[in-house]
Protein backbone atom coordinates (compact mmCIF):
# COMPACT_ATOMS: atom_id res chain seq x y z
CA MET A 1 -16.85 25.25 -4.55
CA PRO A 2 -14.22 27.41 -2.37
CA GLY A 3 -14.90 24.59 0.10
CA ALA A 4 -14.54 21.65 -1.96
CA CYS A 5 -11.75 22.72 -3.39
CA CYS A 6 -10.48 23.51 0.08
CA SER A 7 -10.62 20.36 1.66
CA SER A 8 -9.93 17.88 -1.59
CA CYS A 9 -7.94 19.87 -4.10
CA SER A 10 -5.73 22.38 -2.60
CA THR A 11 -1.85 22.51 -2.52
CA SER A 12 -1.28 24.16 0.06
CA ILE A 13 -0.47 21.72 2.68
CA PRO A 14 2.87 21.29 4.37
CA VAL A 15 4.14 17.80 3.31
CA SER A 16 7.40 16.50 5.30
CA PRO A 17 10.58 16.85 3.20
CA ARG A 18 11.48 13.83 5.23
CA PHE A 19 8.42 11.79 4.10
CA ARG A 20 8.88 12.55 0.13
CA ARG A 21 12.62 11.20 0.44
CA ALA A 22 11.56 8.05 1.77
CA LEU A 23 8.98 7.68 -0.85
CA TRP A 24 11.72 7.93 -3.20
CA VAL A 25 14.12 6.06 -1.83
CA ALA A 26 11.12 3.43 -1.48
CA LEU A 27 10.14 3.75 -4.77
CA PHE A 28 13.24 2.73 -6.22
CA VAL A 29 14.21 0.64 -4.09
CA ASN A 30 10.73 -2.09 -4.78
CA ALA A 31 11.29 -1.46 -8.66
CA ALA A 32 14.71 -2.43 -8.33
CA MET A 33 13.81 -5.82 -6.40
CA PHE A 34 10.94 -6.13 -8.31
CA ALA A 35 13.15 -7.05 -11.26
CA VAL A 36 15.72 -9.46 -9.07
CA GLU A 37 12.90 -11.23 -6.97
CA ILE A 38 10.57 -11.83 -10.64
CA GLY A 39 13.60 -13.71 -12.14
CA ALA A 40 14.77 -15.20 -8.79
CA GLY A 41 11.80 -16.22 -8.73
CA VAL A 42 11.36 -17.77 -12.00
CA LYS A 43 14.65 -19.31 -11.86
CA SER A 44 13.78 -21.71 -8.03
CA GLY A 45 10.43 -21.97 -8.90
CA SER A 46 9.76 -20.91 -6.00
CA VAL A 47 5.83 -19.22 -5.19
CA SER A 48 6.62 -17.11 -2.03
CA LEU A 49 9.16 -15.54 -4.35
CA LEU A 50 6.98 -14.54 -6.96
CA ALA A 51 4.21 -14.01 -4.88
CA ASP A 52 6.98 -10.96 -3.23
CA SER A 53 7.89 -9.59 -6.34
CA LEU A 54 4.57 -9.09 -7.20
CA ASP A 55 4.41 -7.52 -3.70
CA PHE A 56 7.50 -5.26 -5.03
CA ALA A 57 5.75 -4.36 -7.79
CA GLY A 58 2.53 -2.93 -6.17
CA ASP A 59 4.75 -1.74 -3.43
CA ALA A 60 6.41 1.00 -6.15
CA ALA A 61 3.18 1.69 -8.26
CA ASN A 62 1.69 2.38 -4.76
CA TYR A 63 4.72 4.84 -3.53
CA GLY A 64 4.58 6.22 -7.16
CA ILE A 65 0.76 7.02 -5.80
CA SER A 66 1.30 7.99 -2.25
CA LEU A 67 4.31 11.28 -3.75
CA ALA A 68 1.55 12.11 -6.30
CA VAL A 69 -1.21 13.54 -3.65
CA LEU A 70 1.31 14.28 -1.47
CA ALA A 71 0.35 18.08 -1.25
CA MET A 72 -3.05 17.29 -2.32
CA GLY A 73 -6.13 17.36 0.48
CA LEU A 74 -7.44 15.17 3.23
CA ALA A 75 -9.89 14.00 0.54
CA TRP A 76 -7.90 12.53 -2.62
CA ARG A 77 -5.30 11.21 -0.17
CA ALA A 78 -8.05 9.09 1.61
CA ARG A 79 -8.93 8.24 -2.56
CA ALA A 80 -5.66 7.26 -2.56
CA ALA A 81 -5.05 5.47 0.35
CA LEU A 82 -8.53 3.80 -0.50
CA VAL A 83 -6.57 2.01 -3.70
CA LYS A 84 -3.44 0.97 -2.32
CA GLY A 85 -6.08 -0.98 0.38
CA ILE A 86 -7.62 -2.67 -2.22
CA THR A 87 -4.55 -3.58 -4.24
CA MET A 88 -2.90 -5.10 -1.46
CA ALA A 89 -6.48 -7.45 -0.94
CA ALA A 90 -6.13 -8.31 -3.91
CA PHE A 91 -2.53 -9.43 -3.42
CA GLY A 92 -3.25 -11.27 -1.26
CA VAL A 93 -6.24 -12.91 -3.17
CA PHE A 94 -3.71 -13.76 -6.12
CA VAL A 95 -1.11 -15.27 -3.41
CA LEU A 96 -3.81 -17.28 -2.27
CA VAL A 97 -4.86 -18.79 -5.60
CA LYS A 98 -1.12 -18.86 -6.57
CA THR A 99 -0.31 -21.05 -3.51
CA GLY A 100 -2.96 -23.67 -3.81
CA TRP A 101 -1.88 -23.96 -7.96
CA SER A 102 1.76 -24.83 -6.29
CA ALA A 103 0.34 -26.79 -4.15
CA TYR A 104 -1.66 -28.88 -6.31
CA ALA A 105 1.63 -29.50 -8.52
CA GLY A 106 4.19 -30.35 -5.68
CA ILE A 107 7.40 -29.53 -7.24
CA PRO A 108 9.38 -27.87 -4.74
CA PRO A 109 11.38 -24.70 -5.30
CA GLU A 110 15.27 -23.99 -5.28
CA PRO A 111 15.87 -23.60 -1.42
CA LEU A 112 19.94 -21.61 -1.84
CA THR A 113 18.24 -19.13 -4.38
CA MET A 114 15.34 -18.83 -2.45
CA GLY A 115 17.47 -17.91 1.08
CA ALA A 116 20.27 -15.36 -0.99
CA VAL A 117 17.51 -13.61 -2.81
CA GLY A 118 15.01 -13.60 0.98
CA LEU A 119 18.34 -12.39 2.81
CA LEU A 120 18.43 -9.46 0.21
CA ALA A 121 14.97 -8.01 -0.29
CA LEU A 122 15.32 -8.02 3.90
CA PHE A 123 17.26 -5.86 4.21
CA ALA A 124 15.91 -3.42 1.38
CA ASN A 125 13.29 -3.53 3.03
CA ALA A 126 14.48 -2.91 6.67
CA GLY A 127 15.86 -0.21 4.99
CA VAL A 128 12.41 1.63 3.56
CA ALA A 129 10.95 0.07 7.21
CA LEU A 130 13.25 2.22 9.40
CA MET A 131 12.80 5.42 7.09
CA LEU A 132 9.17 5.67 7.20
CA TYR A 133 8.56 3.84 11.23
CA ALA A 134 8.14 7.81 12.28
CA PHE A 135 5.21 8.24 9.69
CA ARG A 136 2.99 5.08 10.63
CA ASP A 137 0.56 7.04 13.23
CA GLY A 138 -0.27 9.58 10.16
CA ASP A 139 -3.18 9.72 7.86
CA ALA A 140 -4.50 6.85 6.07
CA ASN A 141 -2.06 6.99 3.08
CA MET A 142 0.69 7.06 5.15
CA ARG A 143 -0.33 4.08 7.26
CA ALA A 144 -0.43 2.08 4.26
CA VAL A 145 2.95 2.84 3.51
CA TRP A 146 4.27 2.10 6.30
CA LEU A 147 2.42 -1.42 6.79
CA CYS A 148 3.32 -2.02 2.93
CA SER A 149 7.62 -1.88 4.18
CA ARG A 150 6.23 -3.47 7.31
CA ASN A 151 4.40 -6.67 5.58
CA ASP A 152 7.63 -7.12 3.01
CA ALA A 153 10.55 -6.98 5.75
CA ILE A 154 8.43 -9.59 7.27
CA GLY A 155 7.67 -11.22 4.42
CA ASN A 156 11.18 -11.43 3.65
CA LEU A 157 12.32 -12.74 6.55
CA ALA A 158 8.80 -15.80 5.77
CA VAL A 159 10.80 -16.62 2.51
CA MET A 160 14.22 -16.54 4.22
CA LEU A 161 12.43 -20.03 6.81
CA ALA A 162 10.55 -21.36 4.18
CA ALA A 163 14.30 -21.99 1.93
CA ALA A 164 15.86 -23.44 5.25
CA GLY A 165 12.64 -25.86 4.82
CA VAL A 166 12.36 -26.81 1.63
CA PHE A 167 16.08 -27.44 2.52
CA GLY A 168 15.86 -29.75 5.08
CA THR A 169 12.40 -31.48 3.82
CA GLY A 170 12.76 -31.20 -0.07
CA SER A 171 9.05 -30.70 0.27
CA GLY A 172 7.82 -27.41 -0.80
CA TRP A 173 5.87 -26.67 1.85
CA PRO A 174 7.19 -24.27 3.86
CA ASP A 175 6.61 -22.21 0.64
CA ALA A 176 3.38 -22.78 0.41
CA LEU A 177 2.52 -21.67 4.28
CA VAL A 178 4.86 -19.14 3.93
CA ALA A 179 2.80 -17.64 1.36
CA LEU A 180 -0.31 -17.82 2.89
CA LEU A 181 1.16 -15.62 5.41
CA MET A 182 1.94 -13.59 3.13
CA ALA A 183 -1.45 -13.45 1.58
CA ALA A 184 -3.00 -13.38 5.26
CA LEU A 185 -1.00 -10.39 5.66
CA ALA A 186 -1.59 -8.61 2.75
CA LEU A 187 -5.42 -9.22 3.23
CA SER A 188 -5.48 -8.18 6.80
CA ALA A 189 -3.90 -4.57 5.98
CA GLY A 190 -5.46 -3.62 3.04
CA THR A 191 -8.38 -4.54 4.85
CA ALA A 192 -7.10 -2.10 7.57
CA VAL A 193 -6.48 0.77 5.03
CA VAL A 194 -9.67 0.23 3.33
CA ARG A 195 -11.63 1.15 6.56
CA GLN A 196 -9.34 4.48 7.46
CA ALA A 197 -9.94 5.44 4.09
CA ARG A 198 -13.38 5.32 4.53
CA GLN A 199 -13.85 7.04 7.79
CA GLU A 200 -11.32 9.65 6.01
CA LEU A 201 -13.23 10.29 3.38
CA ALA A 202 -17.04 10.51 5.62
CA GLN A 203 -14.65 13.39 7.23
CA ALA A 204 -14.09 15.40 4.57
CA ALA A 205 -17.77 15.38 3.95
CA GLN A 206 -18.18 16.57 6.27
CA THR A 207 -15.73 19.02 6.01
CA VAL A 208 -17.51 20.75 3.02
CA PRO A 209 -20.13 23.05 3.71
CA ALA A 210 -23.13 22.89 2.10
CA ALA A 211 -23.60 25.25 -0.83
CA VAL A 212 -24.70 28.46 0.16
CA ALA A 213 -28.06 29.94 -0.58
CA PRO A 214 -28.63 33.05 -2.17
CA ALA A 215 -30.14 35.71 -0.29
CA PRO A 216 -33.46 36.97 -0.99
CA VAL A 217 -34.85 39.85 -1.96
CA ALA A 218 -36.04 42.59 -0.41
CA SER A 219 -39.44 42.83 -1.26
CA VAL A 220 -40.19 46.54 -0.89
CA SER A 221 -44.20 48.40 -1.47
CA LEU A 222 -45.12 51.04 -4.02
CA THR A 223 -46.04 52.98 0.00
CA GLN A 224 -42.74 52.85 0.98
CA ILE A 225 -40.98 55.01 -2.23
CA GLY A 226 -43.90 57.13 -2.06
CA LEU A 227 -45.73 55.72 -4.66
């Protein structure tokens, strides 16, 4: 149906070259930082670093999805945002579970590695967030990308504070508290993106015109044709 194709699968929607470039940079930065933080998280025993590394991995995948649907219609971009919102919320649930387990184990992480890697991640995410700031008020897909970068930068600051707390107290509770904050941010942002994506899906559905019924065949009597 032409109307359905125009609203959900069109590739003629103009795309900002700046936004496309920003997505590619964000994808590579997040993939690289995932590798760095997963190693540092395992080495230091920090649940907040491990949580942040998984967040980097999820963001890299989300940026790839955004690039794939960037020039498509509203419905496809809203579906991609819906997937990303659910992923963000699922990440929050995972962090909650992981934090509970680490608090039960009671082994404090190594704070120097936490602080150094947290600072590196902050520089990486702050740069990505600045690139994406101009697109924060776009559709659900753009908003999800912005929220991901914003949450990451906030999370990195919190990881550095947790490292200072662990260093000063010798306890793992600062690390656990930061992980809980990151989980709350992920759940909040994921819920907001899912809500907006559903609204945009409903909007896209309303723009699809109903199927045009075939025109009725005109009935002609025999007397009208002289028979």
